[in-house]
Amino acid sequence: MKAFHAAVYRLVRQVPRGRVVTYGQVAALLGYPRAARAVGQAMRLCPPSLPWHRVVNARGGISVRGNVGSMLTQRIMLEQEGVRVRRGRVALGSYRWSGGRRGRPVRLAALERL
């Protein structure tokens, strides 16, 4: 597993029930504010035990995937935690996690160019 992916997974595990984070927010908390796509790649490969459903796009939306069923699953899981999803979006002003404590920056040569 890549060190960056492991750092993403550690951070996403800290997101409490009923809260969401964006891909860009995860990247910024890790010290790489321009690595949102790398976070998306990590989330695509995440272990099933990770609360992956708490990560949404920059507009608070459930990101489009090849597997439409996982989009519905994400919505259901968020709603079960009390997160209101309307028209495929979450009100970030109400449900965004502030990231209580900042993640440690991960130094990876490939990401230094971002």
Protein backbone atom coordinates (compact mmCIF):
# COMPACT_ATOMS: atom_id res chain seq x y z
CA MET A 1 0.00 0.00 0.00
CA LYS A 2 1.28 3.44 -0.85
CA ALA A 3 2.20 5.73 2.04
CA PHE A 4 -0.15 8.41 0.72
CA HIS A 5 -3.06 5.96 0.57
CA ALA A 6 -2.37 4.85 4.14
CA ALA A 7 -2.37 8.49 5.28
CA VAL A 8 -5.69 9.10 3.51
CA TYR A 9 -7.23 6.05 5.18
CA ARG A 10 -6.00 7.12 8.65
CA LEU A 11 -7.56 10.54 8.18
CA VAL A 12 -10.88 9.26 6.79
CA ARG A 13 -11.19 6.90 9.77
CA GLN A 14 -11.21 9.98 12.03
CA VAL A 15 -14.30 11.50 10.38
CA PRO A 16 -17.12 11.09 12.90
CA ARG A 17 -20.56 9.69 12.13
CA GLY A 18 -22.89 12.28 10.69
CA ARG A 19 -20.06 14.34 9.16
CA VAL A 20 -18.45 14.46 5.73
CA VAL A 21 -15.20 15.67 4.20
CA THR A 22 -14.33 16.52 0.62
CA TYR A 23 -11.53 14.95 -1.41
CA GLY A 24 -9.78 18.33 -1.49
CA GLN A 25 -10.19 18.79 2.24
CA VAL A 26 -8.53 15.42 2.91
CA ALA A 27 -5.67 16.40 0.60
CA ALA A 28 -5.26 19.77 2.33
CA LEU A 29 -5.32 18.23 5.80
CA LEU A 30 -2.53 15.91 4.68
CA GLY A 31 -0.47 18.86 3.50
CA TYR A 32 -1.14 18.49 -0.25
CA PRO A 33 -3.97 20.89 -1.16
CA ARG A 34 -3.66 20.13 -4.88
CA ALA A 35 -3.86 16.33 -4.52
CA ALA A 36 -7.65 15.86 -4.45
CA ARG A 37 -7.51 13.47 -7.40
CA ALA A 38 -4.89 11.38 -5.63
CA VAL A 39 -7.28 11.14 -2.68
CA GLY A 40 -9.98 9.98 -5.09
CA GLN A 41 -7.64 7.29 -6.41
CA ALA A 42 -6.89 6.15 -2.86
CA MET A 43 -10.59 6.04 -2.01
CA ARG A 44 -11.30 3.93 -5.07
CA LEU A 45 -8.92 1.31 -3.68
CA CYS A 46 -9.91 1.62 -0.01
CA PRO A 47 -10.57 -1.33 2.27
CA PRO A 48 -14.24 -2.14 2.88
CA SER A 49 -13.98 -1.35 6.59
CA LEU A 50 -13.20 2.31 5.86
CA PRO A 51 -16.09 4.81 6.20
CA TRP A 52 -15.66 5.73 2.51
CA HIS A 53 -19.20 7.06 2.29
CA ARG A 54 -18.21 10.12 4.35
CA VAL A 55 -16.05 11.52 1.52
CA VAL A 56 -17.89 13.70 -1.02
CA ASN A 57 -16.86 16.00 -3.84
CA ALA A 58 -16.13 19.73 -3.53
CA ARG A 59 -19.78 20.67 -4.06
CA GLY A 60 -20.97 18.25 -1.40
CA GLY A 61 -22.12 15.81 -4.04
CA ILE A 62 -21.91 12.08 -4.31
CA SER A 63 -19.38 11.54 -7.06
CA VAL A 64 -20.42 9.72 -10.20
CA ARG A 65 -19.05 6.19 -10.45
CA GLY A 66 -19.19 3.40 -12.95
CA ASN A 67 -21.16 1.36 -10.44
CA VAL A 68 -24.40 3.29 -9.85
CA GLY A 69 -25.25 0.95 -6.97
CA SER A 70 -22.37 2.29 -4.90
CA MET A 71 -23.71 5.83 -5.36
CA LEU A 72 -27.05 4.72 -3.93
CA THR A 73 -25.27 2.84 -1.14
CA GLN A 74 -23.35 6.00 -0.22
CA ARG A 75 -26.55 8.00 -0.03
CA ILE A 76 -28.27 5.39 2.14
CA MET A 77 -25.29 5.11 4.48
CA LEU A 78 -25.07 8.90 4.89
CA GLU A 79 -28.79 9.18 5.57
CA GLN A 80 -28.56 6.40 8.18
CA GLU A 81 -26.01 8.56 9.99
CA GLY A 82 -28.36 11.54 9.95
CA VAL A 83 -26.77 13.36 7.01
CA ARG A 84 -29.47 14.88 4.83
CA VAL A 85 -28.86 14.26 1.13
CA ARG A 86 -30.93 16.29 -1.33
CA ARG A 87 -30.57 15.97 -5.08
CA GLY A 88 -27.40 13.97 -4.56
CA ARG A 89 -25.75 16.64 -2.41
CA VAL A 90 -24.95 17.26 1.22
CA ALA A 91 -25.12 20.76 2.74
CA LEU A 92 -21.43 21.21 3.52
CA GLY A 93 -22.21 24.15 5.76
CA SER A 94 -24.12 21.81 8.07
CA TYR A 95 -22.27 18.50 7.80
CA ARG A 96 -18.63 19.26 6.91
CA TRP A 97 -16.13 17.97 9.44
CA SER A 98 -13.64 20.64 10.45
CA GLY A 99 -10.86 18.13 10.89
CA GLY A 100 -10.41 18.64 14.61
CA ARG A 101 -6.73 17.93 14.49
CA ARG A 102 -4.67 18.30 11.38
CA GLY A 103 -3.11 15.31 9.72
CA ARG A 104 0.63 15.13 9.46
CA PRO A 105 2.03 16.05 6.06
CA VAL A 106 3.24 13.04 4.13
CA ARG A 107 6.39 13.70 2.11
CA LEU A 108 6.26 11.85 -1.19
CA ALA A 109 8.43 12.86 -4.15
CA ALA A 110 5.63 12.31 -6.68
CA LEU A 111 3.32 14.66 -4.79
CA GLU A 112 5.89 17.42 -4.33
CA ARG A 113 5.26 18.45 -7.97
CA LEU A 114 1.52 18.97 -7.40
